Amino acid sequence: MYDNLINTGLYKNLIFEILINIIAPYPFLDNLKYREYVAEFDFNVQYEINDILLFISFARVYLGITFIVYLT
């Protein structure tokens, strides 16, 4: 009855989930590039920022897994 988000410690998980779900491709980041030079191959590598964010956003798969665990 007297439990809340702070005294149960659930705020730590909530902050973690909020930070994971914030990572997503955004329209205002279109055409922004990340460039890196690879000295071993004498080659420039170029990535779009939205592609990198999309790759990282696949970490959200854990939400479906935790939902299935809660159901079982």
PDB file of N, CA and C in Angstrom:
ATOM      1  N   MET A   1       0.821  -1.187   0.000  1.00  0.00           N
ATOM      2  CA  MET A   1       0.000   0.000   0.000  1.00  0.00           C
ATOM      3  C   MET A   1       0.873   1.262   0.000  1.00  0.00           C
ATOM      4  N   TYR A   2       2.012   1.203   0.669  1.00  0.00           N
ATOM      5  CA  TYR A   2       2.864   2.379   0.767  1.00  0.00           C
ATOM      6  C   TYR A   2       4.050   2.331  -0.190  1.00  0.00           C
ATOM      7  N   ASP A   3       4.067   1.358  -1.063  1.00  0.00           N
ATOM      8  CA  ASP A   3       5.161   1.260  -2.033  1.00  0.00           C
ATOM      9  C   ASP A   3       4.966   2.282  -3.135  1.00  0.00           C
ATOM     10  N   ASN A   4       6.063   2.856  -3.565  1.00  0.00           N
ATOM     11  CA  ASN A   4       6.044   3.739  -4.729  1.00  0.00           C
ATOM     12  C   ASN A   4       7.274   3.455  -5.576  1.00  0.00           C
ATOM     13  N   LEU A   5       7.448   4.223  -6.600  1.00  0.00           N
ATOM     14  CA  LEU A   5       8.524   3.987  -7.562  1.00  0.00           C
ATOM     15  C   LEU A   5       9.902   4.165  -6.921  1.00  0.00           C
ATOM     16  N   ILE A   6      10.017   5.076  -5.997  1.00  0.00           N
ATOM     17  CA  ILE A   6      11.320   5.379  -5.396  1.00  0.00           C
ATOM     18  C   ILE A   6      11.726   4.327  -4.374  1.00  0.00           C
ATOM     19  N   ASN A   7      10.872   4.013  -3.421  1.00  0.00           N
ATOM     20  CA  ASN A   7      11.306   3.107  -2.347  1.00  0.00           C
ATOM     21  C   ASN A   7      11.354   1.634  -2.769  1.00  0.00           C
ATOM     22  N   THR A   8      10.785   1.288  -3.915  1.00  0.00           N
ATOM     23  CA  THR A   8      10.921  -0.082  -4.406  1.00  0.00           C
ATOM     24  C   THR A   8      12.158  -0.244  -5.285  1.00  0.00           C
ATOM     25  N   GLY A   9      12.757   0.857  -5.735  1.00  0.00           N
ATOM     26  CA  GLY A   9      13.939   0.801  -6.592  1.00  0.00           C
ATOM     27  C   GLY A   9      13.616   0.590  -8.058  1.00  0.00           C
ATOM     28  N   LEU A  10      12.338   0.623  -8.427  1.00  0.00           N
ATOM     29  CA  LEU A  10      11.962   0.404  -9.823  1.00  0.00           C
ATOM     30  C   LEU A  10      12.309   1.581 -10.723  1.00  0.00           C
ATOM     31  N   TYR A  11      12.654   2.716 -10.143  1.00  0.00           N
ATOM     32  CA  TYR A  11      13.000   3.874 -10.961  1.00  0.00           C
ATOM     33  C   TYR A  11      14.267   3.621 -11.771  1.00  0.00           C
ATOM     34  N   LYS A  12      15.162   2.769 -11.280  1.00  0.00           N
ATOM     35  CA  LYS A  12      16.383   2.462 -12.021  1.00  0.00           C
ATOM     36  C   LYS A  12      16.052   1.747 -13.327  1.00  0.00           C
ATOM     37  N   ASN A  13      15.163   0.776 -13.274  1.00  0.00           N
ATOM     38  CA  ASN A  13      14.748   0.080 -14.489  1.00  0.00           C
ATOM     39  C   ASN A  13      13.996   1.016 -15.424  1.00  0.00           C
ATOM     40  N   LEU A  14      13.195   1.890 -14.871  1.00  0.00           N
ATOM     41  CA  LEU A  14      12.430   2.836 -15.686  1.00  0.00           C
ATOM     42  C   LEU A  14      13.354   3.792 -16.432  1.00  0.00           C
ATOM     43  N   ILE A  15      14.362   4.303 -15.767  1.00  0.00           N
ATOM     44  CA  ILE A  15      15.318   5.202 -16.421  1.00  0.00           C
ATOM     45  C   ILE A  15      16.064   4.471 -17.526  1.00  0.00           C
ATOM     46  N   PHE A  16      16.464   3.225 -17.284  1.00  0.00           N
ATOM     47  CA  PHE A  16      17.148   2.425 -18.292  1.00  0.00           C
ATOM     48  C   PHE A  16      16.261   2.216 -19.515  1.00  0.00           C
ATOM     49  N   GLU A  17      15.001   1.881 -19.310  1.00  0.00           N
ATOM     50  CA  GLU A  17      14.085   1.658 -20.428  1.00  0.00           C
ATOM     51  C   GLU A  17      13.805   2.947 -21.200  1.00  0.00           C
ATOM     52  N   ILE A  18      13.714   4.060 -20.503  1.00  0.00           N
ATOM     53  CA  ILE A  18      13.504   5.341 -21.178  1.00  0.00           C
ATOM     54  C   ILE A  18      14.702   5.673 -22.060  1.00  0.00           C
ATOM     55  N   LEU A  19      15.912   5.466 -21.558  1.00  0.00           N
ATOM     56  CA  LEU A  19      17.103   5.756 -22.347  1.00  0.00           C
ATOM     57  C   LEU A  19      17.222   4.849 -23.562  1.00  0.00           C
ATOM     58  N   ILE A  20      16.848   3.574 -23.413  1.00  0.00           N
ATOM     59  CA  ILE A  20      16.889   2.653 -24.552  1.00  0.00           C
ATOM     60  C   ILE A  20      15.862   3.062 -25.610  1.00  0.00           C
ATOM     61  N   ASN A  21      14.687   3.483 -25.188  1.00  0.00           N
ATOM     62  CA  ASN A  21      13.625   3.812 -26.138  1.00  0.00           C
ATOM     63  C   ASN A  21      13.779   5.190 -26.776  1.00  0.00           C
ATOM     64  N   ILE A  22      14.620   6.029 -26.222  1.00  0.00           N
ATOM     65  CA  ILE A  22      14.874   7.342 -26.825  1.00  0.00           C
ATOM     66  C   ILE A  22      15.684   7.189 -28.108  1.00  0.00           C
ATOM     67  N   ILE A  23      16.532   6.157 -28.161  1.00  0.00           N
ATOM     68  CA  ILE A  23      17.404   5.966 -29.323  1.00  0.00           C
ATOM     69  C   ILE A  23      16.565   5.521 -30.508  1.00  0.00           C
ATOM     70  N   ALA A  24      16.485   6.378 -31.504  1.00  0.00           N
ATOM     71  CA  ALA A  24      15.703   6.086 -32.707  1.00  0.00           C
ATOM     72  C   ALA A  24      16.166   7.022 -33.814  1.00  0.00           C
ATOM     73  N   PRO A  25      15.943   6.650 -35.061  1.00  0.00           N
ATOM     74  CA  PRO A  25      16.261   7.583 -36.156  1.00  0.00           C
ATOM     75  C   PRO A  25      15.298   8.775 -36.130  1.00  0.00           C
ATOM     76  N   TYR A  26      15.825   9.942 -36.348  1.00  0.00           N
ATOM     77  CA  TYR A  26      15.014  11.154 -36.321  1.00  0.00           C
ATOM     78  C   TYR A  26      15.086  11.865 -37.664  1.00  0.00           C
ATOM     79  N   PRO A  27      13.984  12.485 -38.104  1.00  0.00           N
ATOM     80  CA  PRO A  27      13.976  13.150 -39.415  1.00  0.00           C
ATOM     81  C   PRO A  27      14.947  14.323 -39.508  1.00  0.00           C
ATOM     82  N   PHE A  28      15.211  15.004 -38.410  1.00  0.00           N
ATOM     83  CA  PHE A  28      16.106  16.158 -38.478  1.00  0.00           C
ATOM     84  C   PHE A  28      17.572  15.748 -38.596  1.00  0.00           C
ATOM     85  N   LEU A  29      17.864  14.437 -38.498  1.00  0.00           N
ATOM     86  CA  LEU A  29      19.231  13.949 -38.670  1.00  0.00           C
ATOM     87  C   LEU A  29      19.482  13.401 -40.074  1.00  0.00           C
ATOM     88  N   ASP A  30      18.533  13.612 -40.986  1.00  0.00           N
ATOM     89  CA  ASP A  30      18.725  13.147 -42.364  1.00  0.00           C
ATOM     90  C   ASP A  30      19.940  13.825 -42.985  1.00  0.00           C
ATOM     91  N   ASN A  31      20.662  13.055 -43.751  1.00  0.00           N
ATOM     92  CA  ASN A  31      21.842  13.513 -44.496  1.00  0.00           C
ATOM     93  C   ASN A  31      23.012  13.934 -43.619  1.00  0.00           C
ATOM     94  N   LEU A  32      22.978  13.618 -42.341  1.00  0.00           N
ATOM     95  CA  LEU A  32      24.154  13.800 -41.498  1.00  0.00           C
ATOM     96  C   LEU A  32      24.989  12.536 -41.592  1.00  0.00           C
ATOM     97  N   LYS A  33      26.263  12.714 -41.797  1.00  0.00           N
ATOM     98  CA  LYS A  33      27.143  11.580 -42.018  1.00  0.00           C
ATOM     99  C   LYS A  33      28.203  11.500 -40.930  1.00  0.00           C
ATOM    100  N   TYR A  34      28.625  10.275 -40.662  1.00  0.00           N
ATOM    101  CA  TYR A  34      29.766  10.012 -39.797  1.00  0.00           C
ATOM    102  C   TYR A  34      30.856   9.444 -40.696  1.00  0.00           C
ATOM    103  N   ARG A  35      31.968  10.132 -40.760  1.00  0.00           N
ATOM    104  CA  ARG A  35      33.063   9.704 -41.632  1.00  0.00           C
ATOM    105  C   ARG A  35      34.249   9.263 -40.784  1.00  0.00           C
ATOM    106  N   GLU A  36      34.880   8.214 -41.247  1.00  0.00           N
ATOM    107  CA  GLU A  36      36.034   7.683 -40.534  1.00  0.00           C
ATOM    108  C   GLU A  36      37.038   7.182 -41.560  1.00  0.00           C
ATOM    109  N   TYR A  37      38.297   7.427 -41.283  1.00  0.00           N
ATOM    110  CA  TYR A  37      39.366   6.975 -42.162  1.00  0.00           C
ATOM    111  C   TYR A  37      39.972   5.704 -41.592  1.00  0.00           C
ATOM    112  N   VAL A  38      40.087   4.673 -42.424  1.00  0.00           N
ATOM    113  CA  VAL A  38      40.685   3.402 -42.028  1.00  0.00           C
ATOM    114  C   VAL A  38      42.081   3.355 -42.645  1.00  0.00           C
ATOM    115  N   ALA A  39      43.084   3.509 -41.804  1.00  0.00           N
ATOM    116  CA  ALA A  39      44.459   3.603 -42.298  1.00  0.00           C
ATOM    117  C   ALA A  39      44.961   2.283 -42.879  1.00  0.00           C
ATOM    118  N   GLU A  40      44.508   1.159 -42.317  1.00  0.00           N
ATOM    119  CA  GLU A  40      44.988  -0.142 -42.786  1.00  0.00           C
ATOM    120  C   GLU A  40      44.649  -0.385 -44.252  1.00  0.00           C
ATOM    121  N   PHE A  41      43.496   0.096 -44.694  1.00  0.00           N
ATOM    122  CA  PHE A  41      43.046  -0.118 -46.065  1.00  0.00           C
ATOM    123  C   PHE A  41      43.115   1.152 -46.919  1.00  0.00           C
ATOM    124  N   ASP A  42      43.559   2.253 -46.307  1.00  0.00           N
ATOM    125  CA  ASP A  42      43.612   3.545 -46.983  1.00  0.00           C
ATOM    126  C   ASP A  42      42.262   3.858 -47.624  1.00  0.00           C
ATOM    127  N   PHE A  43      41.235   3.859 -46.768  1.00  0.00           N
ATOM    128  CA  PHE A  43      39.858   3.962 -47.247  1.00  0.00           C
ATOM    129  C   PHE A  43      39.041   4.817 -46.287  1.00  0.00           C
ATOM    130  N   ASN A  44      38.145   5.615 -46.831  1.00  0.00           N
ATOM    131  CA  ASN A  44      37.219   6.406 -46.020  1.00  0.00           C
ATOM    132  C   ASN A  44      35.894   5.667 -45.914  1.00  0.00           C
ATOM    133  N   VAL A  45      35.388   5.533 -44.707  1.00  0.00           N
ATOM    134  CA  VAL A  45      34.100   4.894 -44.459  1.00  0.00           C
ATOM    135  C   VAL A  45      33.108   5.984 -44.082  1.00  0.00           C
ATOM    136  N   GLN A  46      31.903   5.892 -44.625  1.00  0.00           N
ATOM    137  CA  GLN A  46      30.887   6.911 -44.375  1.00  0.00           C
ATOM    138  C   GLN A  46      29.572   6.235 -43.995  1.00  0.00           C
ATOM    139  N   TYR A  47      29.047   6.613 -42.846  1.00  0.00           N
ATOM    140  CA  TYR A  47      27.770   6.088 -42.374  1.00  0.00           C
ATOM    141  C   TYR A  47      26.811   7.245 -42.156  1.00  0.00           C
ATOM    142  N   GLU A  48      25.527   6.975 -42.344  1.00  0.00           N
ATOM    143  CA  GLU A  48      24.526   7.976 -41.972  1.00  0.00           C
ATOM    144  C   GLU A  48      24.189   7.796 -40.498  1.00  0.00           C
ATOM    145  N   ILE A  49      23.994   8.886 -39.815  1.00  0.00           N
ATOM    146  CA  ILE A  49      23.708   8.852 -38.378  1.00  0.00           C
ATOM    147  C   ILE A  49      22.419   8.076 -38.112  1.00  0.00           C
ATOM    148  N   ASN A  50      21.405   8.249 -38.957  1.00  0.00           N
ATOM    149  CA  ASN A  50      20.137   7.542 -38.759  1.00  0.00           C
ATOM    150  C   ASN A  50      20.299   6.035 -38.902  1.00  0.00           C
ATOM    151  N   ASP A  51      21.205   5.596 -39.760  1.00  0.00           N
ATOM    152  CA  ASP A  51      21.451   4.157 -39.887  1.00  0.00           C
ATOM    153  C   ASP A  51      22.087   3.585 -38.623  1.00  0.00           C
ATOM    154  N   ILE A  52      22.991   4.338 -38.033  1.00  0.00           N
ATOM    155  CA  ILE A  52      23.618   3.898 -36.785  1.00  0.00           C
ATOM    156  C   ILE A  52      22.584   3.839 -35.670  1.00  0.00           C
ATOM    157  N   LEU A  53      21.722   4.853 -35.585  1.00  0.00           N
ATOM    158  CA  LEU A  53      20.683   4.864 -34.556  1.00  0.00           C
ATOM    159  C   LEU A  53      19.682   3.735 -34.761  1.00  0.00           C
ATOM    160  N   LEU A  54      19.381   3.426 -36.010  1.00  0.00           N
ATOM    161  CA  LEU A  54      18.474   2.319 -36.295  1.00  0.00           C
ATOM    162  C   LEU A  54      19.078   0.996 -35.841  1.00  0.00           C
ATOM    163  N   PHE A  55      20.358   0.814 -36.069  1.00  0.00           N
ATOM    164  CA  PHE A  55      21.036  -0.402 -35.637  1.00  0.00           C
ATOM    165  C   PHE A  55      21.000  -0.539 -34.120  1.00  0.00           C
ATOM    166  N   ILE A  56      21.241   0.557 -33.419  1.00  0.00           N
ATOM    167  CA  ILE A  56      21.231   0.529 -31.954  1.00  0.00           C
ATOM    168  C   ILE A  56      19.815   0.317 -31.418  1.00  0.00           C
ATOM    169  N   SER A  57      18.808   0.808 -32.144  1.00  0.00           N
ATOM    170  CA  SER A  57      17.432   0.700 -31.647  1.00  0.00           C
ATOM    171  C   SER A  57      16.924  -0.740 -31.653  1.00  0.00           C
ATOM    172  N   PHE A  58      17.633  -1.658 -32.295  1.00  0.00           N
ATOM    173  CA  PHE A  58      17.235  -3.060 -32.232  1.00  0.00           C
ATOM    174  C   PHE A  58      17.398  -3.628 -30.819  1.00  0.00           C
ATOM    175  N   ALA A  59      18.005  -2.878 -29.926  1.00  0.00           N
ATOM    176  CA  ALA A  59      18.099  -3.295 -28.528  1.00  0.00           C
ATOM    177  C   ALA A  59      16.726  -3.350 -27.875  1.00  0.00           C
ATOM    178  N   ARG A  60      15.728  -2.766 -28.502  1.00  0.00           N
ATOM    179  CA  ARG A  60      14.370  -2.779 -27.959  1.00  0.00           C
ATOM    180  C   ARG A  60      13.711  -4.149 -28.029  1.00  0.00           C
ATOM    181  N   VAL A  61      14.352  -5.093 -28.652  1.00  0.00           N
ATOM    182  CA  VAL A  61      13.803  -6.444 -28.744  1.00  0.00           C
ATOM    183  C   VAL A  61      13.576  -7.022 -27.345  1.00  0.00           C
ATOM    184  N   TYR A  62      14.357  -6.536 -26.384  1.00  0.00           N
ATOM    185  CA  TYR A  62      14.193  -7.037 -25.017  1.00  0.00           C
ATOM    186  C   TYR A  62      12.787  -6.767 -24.481  1.00  0.00           C
ATOM    187  N   LEU A  63      12.091  -5.749 -24.990  1.00  0.00           N
ATOM    188  CA  LEU A  63      10.734  -5.464 -24.513  1.00  0.00           C
ATOM    189  C   LEU A  63       9.798  -6.626 -24.812  1.00  0.00           C
ATOM    190  N   GLY A  64       9.888  -7.177 -26.012  1.00  0.00           N
ATOM    191  CA  GLY A  64       9.064  -8.336 -26.358  1.00  0.00           C
ATOM    192  C   GLY A  64       9.434  -9.554 -25.543  1.00  0.00           C
ATOM    193  N   ILE A  65      10.729  -9.732 -25.299  1.00  0.00           N
ATOM    194  CA  ILE A  65      11.171 -10.875 -24.499  1.00  0.00           C
ATOM    195  C   ILE A  65      10.674 -10.771 -23.063  1.00  0.00           C
ATOM    196  N   THR A  66      10.785  -9.583 -22.474  1.00  0.00           N
ATOM    197  CA  THR A  66      10.298  -9.434 -21.103  1.00  0.00           C
ATOM    198  C   THR A  66       8.781  -9.597 -21.031  1.00  0.00           C
ATOM    199  N   PHE A  67       8.070  -9.166 -22.075  1.00  0.00           N
ATOM    200  CA  PHE A  67       6.620  -9.356 -22.092  1.00  0.00           C
ATOM    201  C   PHE A  67       6.271 -10.842 -22.098  1.00  0.00           C
ATOM    202  N   ILE A  68       6.973 -11.625 -22.893  1.00  0.00           N
ATOM    203  CA  ILE A  68       6.730 -13.065 -22.938  1.00  0.00           C
ATOM    204  C   ILE A  68       7.085 -13.702 -21.616  1.00  0.00           C
ATOM    205  N   VAL A  69       8.147 -13.254 -20.980  1.00  0.00           N
ATOM    206  CA  VAL A  69       8.529 -13.802 -19.664  1.00  0.00           C
ATOM    207  C   VAL A  69       7.466 -13.494 -18.629  1.00  0.00           C
ATOM    208  N   TYR A  70       6.906 -12.284 -18.664  1.00  0.00           N
ATOM    209  CA  TYR A  70       5.847 -11.935 -17.720  1.00  0.00           C
ATOM    210  C   TYR A  70       4.590 -12.769 -17.932  1.00  0.00           C
ATOM    211  N   LEU A  71       4.323 -13.162 -19.176  1.00  0.00           N
ATOM    212  CA  LEU A  71       3.131 -13.962 -19.460  1.00  0.00           C
ATOM    213  C   LEU A  71       3.267 -15.408 -18.987  1.00  0.00           C
ATOM    214  N   THR A  72       4.494 -15.900 -18.921  1.00  0.00           N
ATOM    215  CA  THR A  72       4.688 -17.305 -18.539  1.00  0.00           C
ATOM    216  C   THR A  72       4.745 -17.491 -17.048  1.00  0.00           C
TER     217      THR A  72
END
